[in-house]
């Protein structure tokens, strides 16, 4: 969706790109609220980026949560197994919400389609012209290679 969004914006079709932005924002908000309730965390800080680690237009967001939950016995660490389990479900839910919000735009308005979902729920848009895909030719760097996402005490 990011390549399509970028292409539409650069082509002066902001009215077609706006629903993509809105679907992303709505899905991030929706899953962040649900995830917060599911793991017992405080509300997250949402950090959005318009580019990936290779500097390409790849819109994405990070939900940053504290690692402690307030209980009747003071602050306790979140259950890491529960956090991982719920994160997988909520990432899938994010992709589902985005697809649901954009299916009419992708299909009826633009004449494109969706590929089969990946295990994490993400889907590629099918039928994009090659000139759209040239916006995102380079692979982005894995999070494990991006220093800002590492705890400085962890070995690399």
N, C-alpha and C. Protein backbone atom coordinates (compact mmCIF):
# COMPACT_ATOMS: atom_id res chain seq x y z
N UNK A 1 0.81 -1.18 0.00
CA UNK A 1 0.00 0.00 0.00
C UNK A 1 0.86 1.26 0.00
N UNK A 2 2.05 1.18 0.60
CA UNK A 2 2.90 2.36 0.66
C UNK A 2 3.34 2.82 -0.73
N UNK A 3 3.71 1.87 -1.58
CA UNK A 3 4.13 2.24 -2.93
C UNK A 3 2.97 2.88 -3.69
N UNK A 4 1.80 2.31 -3.54
CA UNK A 4 0.61 2.86 -4.21
C UNK A 4 0.30 4.25 -3.66
N UNK A 5 0.36 4.40 -2.36
CA UNK A 5 0.11 5.69 -1.72
C UNK A 5 1.08 6.74 -2.26
N UNK A 6 2.36 6.42 -2.27
CA UNK A 6 3.39 7.34 -2.74
C UNK A 6 3.17 7.70 -4.20
N UNK A 7 2.87 6.70 -5.00
CA UNK A 7 2.64 6.92 -6.43
C UNK A 7 1.44 7.83 -6.65
N UNK A 8 0.33 7.57 -5.96
CA UNK A 8 -0.88 8.39 -6.12
C UNK A 8 -0.62 9.83 -5.68
N UNK A 9 0.08 10.00 -4.58
CA UNK A 9 0.38 11.34 -4.08
C UNK A 9 1.24 12.10 -5.09
N UNK A 10 2.29 11.46 -5.59
CA UNK A 10 3.17 12.11 -6.57
C UNK A 10 2.47 12.39 -7.89
N UNK A 11 1.43 11.63 -8.19
CA UNK A 11 0.67 11.83 -9.43
C UNK A 11 -0.44 12.88 -9.26
N UNK A 12 -0.50 13.51 -8.07
CA UNK A 12 -1.51 14.52 -7.83
C UNK A 12 -2.88 13.96 -7.50
N UNK A 13 -2.93 12.69 -7.11
CA UNK A 13 -4.20 12.02 -6.79
C UNK A 13 -4.35 11.86 -5.28
N UNK A 14 -4.19 12.99 -4.57
CA UNK A 14 -4.24 12.95 -3.11
C UNK A 14 -5.56 12.40 -2.58
N UNK A 15 -6.67 12.66 -3.31
CA UNK A 15 -7.97 12.17 -2.85
C UNK A 15 -8.04 10.64 -2.87
N UNK A 16 -7.24 10.00 -3.73
CA UNK A 16 -7.17 8.54 -3.73
C UNK A 16 -6.17 8.02 -2.70
N UNK A 17 -5.15 8.82 -2.40
CA UNK A 17 -4.14 8.42 -1.42
C UNK A 17 -4.64 8.59 0.01
N UNK A 18 -5.50 9.57 0.25
CA UNK A 18 -5.95 9.86 1.62
C UNK A 18 -6.58 8.67 2.32
N UNK A 19 -7.44 7.87 1.66
CA UNK A 19 -7.99 6.70 2.36
C UNK A 19 -6.93 5.71 2.83
N UNK A 20 -5.80 5.65 2.14
CA UNK A 20 -4.71 4.76 2.56
C UNK A 20 -4.13 5.26 3.88
N UNK A 21 -3.88 6.56 3.96
CA UNK A 21 -3.39 7.15 5.22
C UNK A 21 -4.38 6.91 6.35
N UNK A 22 -5.66 7.15 6.06
CA UNK A 22 -6.69 7.03 7.08
C UNK A 22 -6.83 5.58 7.56
N UNK A 23 -6.79 4.63 6.62
CA UNK A 23 -6.90 3.21 7.00
C UNK A 23 -5.75 2.81 7.91
N UNK A 24 -4.54 3.27 7.60
CA UNK A 24 -3.37 2.96 8.43
C UNK A 24 -3.56 3.54 9.83
N UNK A 25 -3.92 4.82 9.91
CA UNK A 25 -4.09 5.46 11.22
C UNK A 25 -5.18 4.80 12.04
N UNK A 26 -6.31 4.50 11.40
CA UNK A 26 -7.42 3.87 12.11
C UNK A 26 -7.05 2.48 12.61
N UNK A 27 -6.34 1.72 11.78
CA UNK A 27 -5.95 0.36 12.17
C UNK A 27 -4.93 0.40 13.32
N UNK A 28 -3.97 1.31 13.26
CA UNK A 28 -2.99 1.43 14.34
C UNK A 28 -3.70 1.77 15.64
N UNK A 29 -4.61 2.73 15.60
CA UNK A 29 -5.35 3.11 16.81
C UNK A 29 -6.17 1.93 17.33
N UNK A 30 -6.87 1.25 16.43
CA UNK A 30 -7.71 0.13 16.84
C UNK A 30 -6.93 -0.98 17.50
N UNK A 31 -5.83 -1.40 16.89
CA UNK A 31 -5.08 -2.51 17.49
C UNK A 31 -4.32 -2.07 18.73
N UNK A 32 -3.92 -0.80 18.80
CA UNK A 32 -3.19 -0.38 19.99
C UNK A 32 -4.09 -0.40 21.22
N UNK A 33 -5.34 0.01 21.04
CA UNK A 33 -6.29 -0.03 22.16
C UNK A 33 -6.55 -1.47 22.59
N UNK A 34 -6.81 -2.35 21.63
CA UNK A 34 -7.09 -3.75 21.94
C UNK A 34 -5.88 -4.44 22.57
N UNK A 35 -4.69 -4.19 22.02
CA UNK A 35 -3.47 -4.80 22.55
C UNK A 35 -3.22 -4.33 23.99
N UNK A 36 -3.42 -3.05 24.22
CA UNK A 36 -3.25 -2.48 25.56
C UNK A 36 -4.12 -3.22 26.57
N UNK A 37 -5.37 -3.42 26.22
CA UNK A 37 -6.29 -4.14 27.11
C UNK A 37 -5.89 -5.60 27.27
N UNK A 38 -5.47 -6.23 26.19
CA UNK A 38 -5.15 -7.66 26.23
C UNK A 38 -3.94 -7.98 27.09
N UNK A 39 -2.95 -7.09 27.12
CA UNK A 39 -1.73 -7.40 27.89
C UNK A 39 -1.66 -6.64 29.20
N UNK A 40 -2.57 -5.72 29.42
CA UNK A 40 -2.59 -4.97 30.67
C UNK A 40 -1.61 -3.83 30.73
N UNK A 41 -1.15 -3.36 29.59
CA UNK A 41 -0.17 -2.29 29.55
C UNK A 41 -0.85 -0.92 29.61
N UNK A 42 -0.06 0.09 29.83
CA UNK A 42 -0.52 1.47 29.72
C UNK A 42 -0.61 1.82 28.23
N UNK A 43 -1.28 2.90 27.92
CA UNK A 43 -1.40 3.32 26.51
C UNK A 43 -0.02 3.55 25.91
N UNK A 44 0.14 3.18 24.64
CA UNK A 44 1.46 3.30 24.02
C UNK A 44 1.72 4.71 23.48
N UNK A 45 2.97 4.93 23.18
CA UNK A 45 3.37 6.07 22.36
C UNK A 45 3.43 5.55 20.94
N UNK A 46 2.81 6.25 20.02
CA UNK A 46 2.81 5.83 18.63
C UNK A 46 3.82 6.69 17.87
N UNK A 47 4.74 6.02 17.21
CA UNK A 47 5.76 6.69 16.41
C UNK A 47 5.56 6.27 14.97
N UNK A 48 5.24 7.21 14.11
CA UNK A 48 5.01 6.90 12.71
C UNK A 48 6.18 7.35 11.85
N UNK A 49 6.44 6.57 10.81
CA UNK A 49 7.51 6.89 9.86
C UNK A 49 6.95 6.78 8.45
N UNK A 50 7.36 7.69 7.60
CA UNK A 50 6.96 7.65 6.21
C UNK A 50 7.93 6.91 5.32
N UNK A 51 9.09 6.54 5.88
CA UNK A 51 10.13 5.88 5.09
C UNK A 51 10.65 4.66 5.83
N UNK A 52 11.17 3.68 5.08
CA UNK A 52 11.77 2.51 5.70
C UNK A 52 13.24 2.77 5.96
N UNK A 53 13.95 1.75 6.43
CA UNK A 53 15.36 1.91 6.80
C UNK A 53 16.27 2.13 5.60
N UNK A 54 15.77 1.88 4.39
CA UNK A 54 16.55 2.15 3.18
C UNK A 54 16.19 3.51 2.59
N UNK A 55 15.35 4.29 3.28
CA UNK A 55 14.97 5.61 2.82
C UNK A 55 13.90 5.61 1.75
N UNK A 56 13.20 4.50 1.62
CA UNK A 56 12.15 4.38 0.61
C UNK A 56 10.80 4.73 1.25
N UNK A 57 9.83 5.16 0.44
CA UNK A 57 8.53 5.51 0.99
C UNK A 57 7.75 4.28 1.43
N UNK A 58 7.88 3.94 2.69
CA UNK A 58 7.23 2.75 3.22
C UNK A 58 6.64 3.12 4.58
N UNK A 59 5.42 3.60 4.56
CA UNK A 59 4.77 4.09 5.76
C UNK A 59 4.58 2.96 6.77
N UNK A 60 4.96 3.22 8.01
CA UNK A 60 4.77 2.23 9.07
C UNK A 60 4.79 2.93 10.42
N UNK A 61 4.35 2.23 11.42
CA UNK A 61 4.33 2.80 12.76
C UNK A 61 4.86 1.83 13.78
N UNK A 62 5.34 2.38 14.86
CA UNK A 62 5.80 1.59 16.00
C UNK A 62 4.93 1.97 17.19
N UNK A 63 4.46 0.99 17.90
CA UNK A 63 3.75 1.22 19.15
C UNK A 63 4.71 0.90 20.27
N UNK A 64 5.05 1.91 21.07
CA UNK A 64 6.04 1.75 22.12
C UNK A 64 5.31 1.68 23.47
N UNK A 65 5.45 0.53 24.13
CA UNK A 65 4.80 0.27 25.41
C UNK A 65 5.83 0.20 26.52
N UNK A 66 5.40 0.56 27.72
CA UNK A 66 6.23 0.33 28.90
C UNK A 66 6.22 -1.15 29.22
N UNK A 67 7.21 -1.61 29.96
CA UNK A 67 7.32 -3.04 30.27
C UNK A 67 6.69 -3.42 31.60
N UNK A 68 6.08 -2.45 32.27
CA UNK A 68 5.49 -2.73 33.58
C UNK A 68 3.99 -2.47 33.54
N UNK A 69 3.27 -3.18 34.40
CA UNK A 69 1.84 -2.99 34.55
C UNK A 69 1.56 -2.66 36.02
N UNK A 70 0.67 -1.70 36.24
CA UNK A 70 0.30 -1.34 37.61
C UNK A 70 -0.65 -2.39 38.17
N UNK A 71 -0.33 -2.91 39.36
CA UNK A 71 -1.18 -3.90 40.03
C UNK A 71 -1.43 -3.42 41.46
N UNK A 72 -2.23 -4.17 42.21
CA UNK A 72 -2.45 -3.87 43.62
C UNK A 72 -1.18 -4.07 44.45
N UNK A 73 -0.19 -4.73 43.87
CA UNK A 73 1.08 -5.01 44.56
C UNK A 73 2.22 -4.20 43.96
N UNK A 74 1.90 -3.05 43.40
CA UNK A 74 2.92 -2.22 42.77
C UNK A 74 3.07 -2.56 41.29
N UNK A 75 4.13 -2.08 40.70
CA UNK A 75 4.38 -2.34 39.28
C UNK A 75 5.03 -3.70 39.11
N UNK A 76 4.51 -4.46 38.16
CA UNK A 76 5.02 -5.79 37.85
C UNK A 76 5.36 -5.85 36.36
N UNK A 77 6.35 -6.67 36.00
CA UNK A 77 6.66 -6.81 34.57
C UNK A 77 5.49 -7.44 33.81
N UNK A 78 5.31 -7.01 32.58
CA UNK A 78 4.32 -7.65 31.71
C UNK A 78 4.75 -9.09 31.45
N UNK A 79 3.79 -9.95 31.22
CA UNK A 79 4.07 -11.35 30.90
C UNK A 79 4.59 -11.42 29.46
N UNK A 80 5.89 -11.74 29.27
CA UNK A 80 6.45 -11.71 27.92
C UNK A 80 5.80 -12.70 26.96
N UNK A 81 5.38 -13.84 27.45
CA UNK A 81 4.73 -14.83 26.57
C UNK A 81 3.40 -14.29 26.08
N UNK A 82 2.65 -13.68 26.98
CA UNK A 82 1.37 -13.09 26.60
C UNK A 82 1.57 -11.94 25.60
N UNK A 83 2.59 -11.12 25.84
CA UNK A 83 2.87 -9.99 24.94
C UNK A 83 3.16 -10.50 23.53
N UNK A 84 4.02 -11.50 23.40
CA UNK A 84 4.36 -12.04 22.08
C UNK A 84 3.13 -12.65 21.42
N UNK A 85 2.39 -13.44 22.16
CA UNK A 85 1.19 -14.09 21.62
C UNK A 85 0.19 -13.05 21.13
N UNK A 86 -0.08 -12.06 21.96
CA UNK A 86 -1.05 -11.03 21.60
C UNK A 86 -0.53 -10.15 20.45
N UNK A 87 0.77 -9.89 20.42
CA UNK A 87 1.34 -9.09 19.33
C UNK A 87 1.09 -9.75 17.98
N UNK A 88 1.28 -11.07 17.91
CA UNK A 88 1.03 -11.77 16.65
C UNK A 88 -0.42 -11.62 16.21
N UNK A 89 -1.36 -11.77 17.14
CA UNK A 89 -2.78 -11.61 16.80
C UNK A 89 -3.10 -10.19 16.38
N UNK A 90 -2.54 -9.22 17.06
CA UNK A 90 -2.86 -7.83 16.77
C UNK A 90 -2.19 -7.33 15.49
N UNK A 91 -1.02 -7.84 15.16
CA UNK A 91 -0.41 -7.50 13.87
C UNK A 91 -1.29 -8.04 12.74
N UNK A 92 -1.76 -9.26 12.90
CA UNK A 92 -2.69 -9.83 11.91
C UNK A 92 -3.94 -8.95 11.81
N UNK A 93 -4.46 -8.54 12.97
CA UNK A 93 -5.66 -7.69 13.00
C UNK A 93 -5.45 -6.36 12.32
N UNK A 94 -4.27 -5.78 12.48
CA UNK A 94 -3.95 -4.53 11.81
C UNK A 94 -4.10 -4.69 10.29
N UNK A 95 -3.48 -5.73 9.75
CA UNK A 95 -3.54 -5.94 8.30
C UNK A 95 -4.98 -6.20 7.84
N UNK A 96 -5.73 -6.93 8.63
CA UNK A 96 -7.13 -7.20 8.30
C UNK A 96 -7.94 -5.90 8.26
N UNK A 97 -7.74 -5.03 9.23
CA UNK A 97 -8.46 -3.75 9.26
C UNK A 97 -8.10 -2.88 8.06
N UNK A 98 -6.83 -2.85 7.69
CA UNK A 98 -6.40 -2.06 6.53
C UNK A 98 -7.05 -2.60 5.26
N UNK A 99 -7.00 -3.93 5.07
CA UNK A 99 -7.62 -4.51 3.86
C UNK A 99 -9.11 -4.23 3.81
N UNK A 100 -9.79 -4.38 4.93
CA UNK A 100 -11.23 -4.15 4.96
C UNK A 100 -11.54 -2.71 4.58
N UNK A 101 -10.77 -1.77 5.08
CA UNK A 101 -11.02 -0.36 4.80
C UNK A 101 -10.71 0.01 3.35
N UNK A 102 -9.79 -0.72 2.70
CA UNK A 102 -9.33 -0.32 1.37
C UNK A 102 -9.78 -1.22 0.23
N UNK A 103 -10.55 -2.25 0.52
CA UNK A 103 -10.94 -3.19 -0.53
C UNK A 103 -11.70 -2.51 -1.66
N UNK A 104 -12.60 -1.61 -1.35
CA UNK A 104 -13.35 -0.92 -2.41
C UNK A 104 -12.43 -0.04 -3.25
N UNK A 105 -11.53 0.69 -2.60
CA UNK A 105 -10.57 1.53 -3.33
C UNK A 105 -9.69 0.67 -4.23
N UNK A 106 -9.13 -0.39 -3.66
CA UNK A 106 -8.21 -1.25 -4.42
C UNK A 106 -8.93 -1.92 -5.59
N UNK A 107 -10.10 -2.48 -5.34
CA UNK A 107 -10.80 -3.24 -6.38
C UNK A 107 -11.64 -2.39 -7.30
N UNK A 108 -12.68 -1.78 -6.77
CA UNK A 108 -13.66 -1.08 -7.60
C UNK A 108 -13.10 0.20 -8.21
N UNK A 109 -12.35 0.98 -7.44
CA UNK A 109 -11.90 2.27 -7.95
C UNK A 109 -10.61 2.18 -8.77
N UNK A 110 -9.68 1.31 -8.38
CA UNK A 110 -8.40 1.24 -9.06
C UNK A 110 -8.23 -0.01 -9.93
N UNK A 111 -9.14 -0.96 -9.82
CA UNK A 111 -9.06 -2.17 -10.65
C UNK A 111 -7.90 -3.08 -10.30
N UNK A 112 -7.47 -3.06 -9.04
CA UNK A 112 -6.37 -3.90 -8.58
C UNK A 112 -6.95 -5.04 -7.75
N UNK A 113 -6.10 -5.84 -7.15
CA UNK A 113 -6.56 -6.95 -6.33
C UNK A 113 -5.63 -7.17 -5.15
N UNK A 114 -5.96 -8.19 -4.36
CA UNK A 114 -5.15 -8.58 -3.21
C UNK A 114 -4.57 -9.98 -3.45
N UNK A 115 -3.31 -10.16 -3.11
CA UNK A 115 -2.72 -11.50 -3.11
C UNK A 115 -3.21 -12.23 -1.87
N UNK A 116 -2.94 -13.52 -1.80
CA UNK A 116 -3.29 -14.29 -0.60
C UNK A 116 -2.53 -13.73 0.60
N UNK A 117 -3.15 -13.72 1.77
CA UNK A 117 -2.47 -13.19 2.97
C UNK A 117 -1.25 -14.03 3.36
N UNK A 118 -0.24 -13.35 3.84
CA UNK A 118 0.93 -14.00 4.43
C UNK A 118 0.55 -14.45 5.84
N UNK A 119 1.38 -15.26 6.49
CA UNK A 119 1.06 -15.71 7.85
C UNK A 119 0.81 -14.58 8.85
N UNK A 120 1.44 -13.41 8.64
CA UNK A 120 1.21 -12.28 9.56
C UNK A 120 -0.01 -11.45 9.18
N UNK A 121 -0.73 -11.87 8.12
CA UNK A 121 -1.93 -11.16 7.70
C UNK A 121 -1.70 -10.12 6.63
N UNK A 122 -0.46 -9.79 6.34
CA UNK A 122 -0.18 -8.79 5.31
C UNK A 122 -0.51 -9.35 3.93
N UNK A 123 -0.87 -8.45 3.04
CA UNK A 123 -1.21 -8.84 1.66
C UNK A 123 -0.56 -7.85 0.69
N UNK A 124 -0.10 -8.38 -0.40
CA UNK A 124 0.40 -7.53 -1.48
C UNK A 124 -0.78 -7.09 -2.33
N UNK A 125 -0.69 -5.89 -2.86
CA UNK A 125 -1.67 -5.44 -3.85
C UNK A 125 -1.20 -5.99 -5.19
N UNK A 126 -2.09 -6.64 -5.91
CA UNK A 126 -1.73 -7.20 -7.22
C UNK A 126 -2.19 -6.27 -8.33
N UNK A 127 -1.49 -6.33 -9.44
CA UNK A 127 -1.86 -5.55 -10.61
C UNK A 127 -1.25 -4.17 -10.66
N UNK A 128 -0.28 -3.88 -9.76
CA UNK A 128 0.37 -2.57 -9.78
C UNK A 128 1.28 -2.47 -10.99
N UNK A 129 1.27 -1.33 -11.69
CA UNK A 129 2.19 -1.14 -12.81
C UNK A 129 3.64 -1.11 -12.32
N UNK A 130 4.55 -1.49 -13.18
CA UNK A 130 5.98 -1.54 -12.82
C UNK A 130 6.47 -0.19 -12.32
N UNK A 131 5.98 0.92 -12.87
CA UNK A 131 6.45 2.25 -12.44
C UNK A 131 6.08 2.53 -10.98
N UNK A 132 5.03 1.91 -10.48
CA UNK A 132 4.66 2.07 -9.08
C UNK A 132 5.66 1.30 -8.21
N UNK A 133 5.99 0.10 -8.64
CA UNK A 133 6.88 -0.76 -7.84
C UNK A 133 8.31 -0.25 -7.79
N UNK A 134 8.70 0.61 -8.76
CA UNK A 134 10.07 1.13 -8.74
C UNK A 134 10.31 2.03 -7.53
N UNK A 135 9.25 2.48 -6.88
CA UNK A 135 9.40 3.31 -5.68
C UNK A 135 10.02 2.54 -4.52
N UNK A 136 9.88 1.22 -4.52
CA UNK A 136 10.34 0.43 -3.37
C UNK A 136 11.16 -0.77 -3.84
N UNK A 137 12.22 -0.52 -4.57
CA UNK A 137 13.03 -1.60 -5.12
C UNK A 137 14.03 -2.18 -4.13
N UNK A 138 14.54 -1.39 -3.20
CA UNK A 138 15.57 -1.87 -2.30
C UNK A 138 14.95 -2.58 -1.10
N UNK A 139 15.56 -3.66 -0.65
CA UNK A 139 15.04 -4.29 0.58
C UNK A 139 15.38 -3.39 1.77
N UNK A 140 14.46 -3.30 2.71
CA UNK A 140 14.75 -2.52 3.91
C UNK A 140 15.61 -3.37 4.84
N UNK A 141 16.29 -2.72 5.75
CA UNK A 141 17.16 -3.43 6.69
C UNK A 141 16.32 -4.07 7.77
N UNK A 142 16.66 -5.28 8.20
CA UNK A 142 15.94 -5.90 9.31
C UNK A 142 16.10 -5.06 10.58
N UNK A 143 15.09 -5.12 11.44
CA UNK A 143 15.16 -4.36 12.69
C UNK A 143 16.41 -4.69 13.49
N UNK A 144 16.87 -5.93 13.39
CA UNK A 144 18.05 -6.33 14.15
C UNK A 144 19.31 -5.58 13.72
N UNK A 145 19.28 -4.93 12.55
CA UNK A 145 20.44 -4.18 12.06
C UNK A 145 20.31 -2.69 12.29
N UNK A 146 19.21 -2.25 12.86
CA UNK A 146 18.99 -0.82 13.06
C UNK A 146 19.28 -0.50 14.51
N UNK A 147 20.34 0.28 14.74
CA UNK A 147 20.80 0.56 16.10
C UNK A 147 19.75 1.16 17.01
N UNK A 148 18.85 1.99 16.49
CA UNK A 148 17.87 2.65 17.33
C UNK A 148 16.88 1.67 17.94
N UNK A 149 16.75 0.50 17.36
CA UNK A 149 15.79 -0.49 17.86
C UNK A 149 16.43 -1.48 18.83
N UNK A 150 17.70 -1.31 19.11
CA UNK A 150 18.41 -2.22 20.01
C UNK A 150 18.60 -1.59 21.36
N UNK A 151 18.52 -2.39 22.38
CA UNK A 151 18.90 -1.98 23.72
C UNK A 151 20.42 -1.98 23.71
N UNK A 152 21.03 -0.91 24.15
CA UNK A 152 22.50 -0.79 24.08
C UNK A 152 23.20 -1.85 24.92
N UNK A 153 22.49 -2.51 25.83
CA UNK A 153 23.12 -3.54 26.67
C UNK A 153 23.13 -4.90 25.98
N UNK A 154 22.39 -5.03 24.88
CA UNK A 154 22.32 -6.32 24.20
C UNK A 154 23.54 -6.51 23.29
N UNK A 155 24.08 -7.72 23.26
CA UNK A 155 25.16 -7.98 22.30
C UNK A 155 24.58 -8.05 20.90
N UNK A 156 25.37 -7.65 19.93
CA UNK A 156 24.93 -7.69 18.53
C UNK A 156 25.47 -8.91 17.84
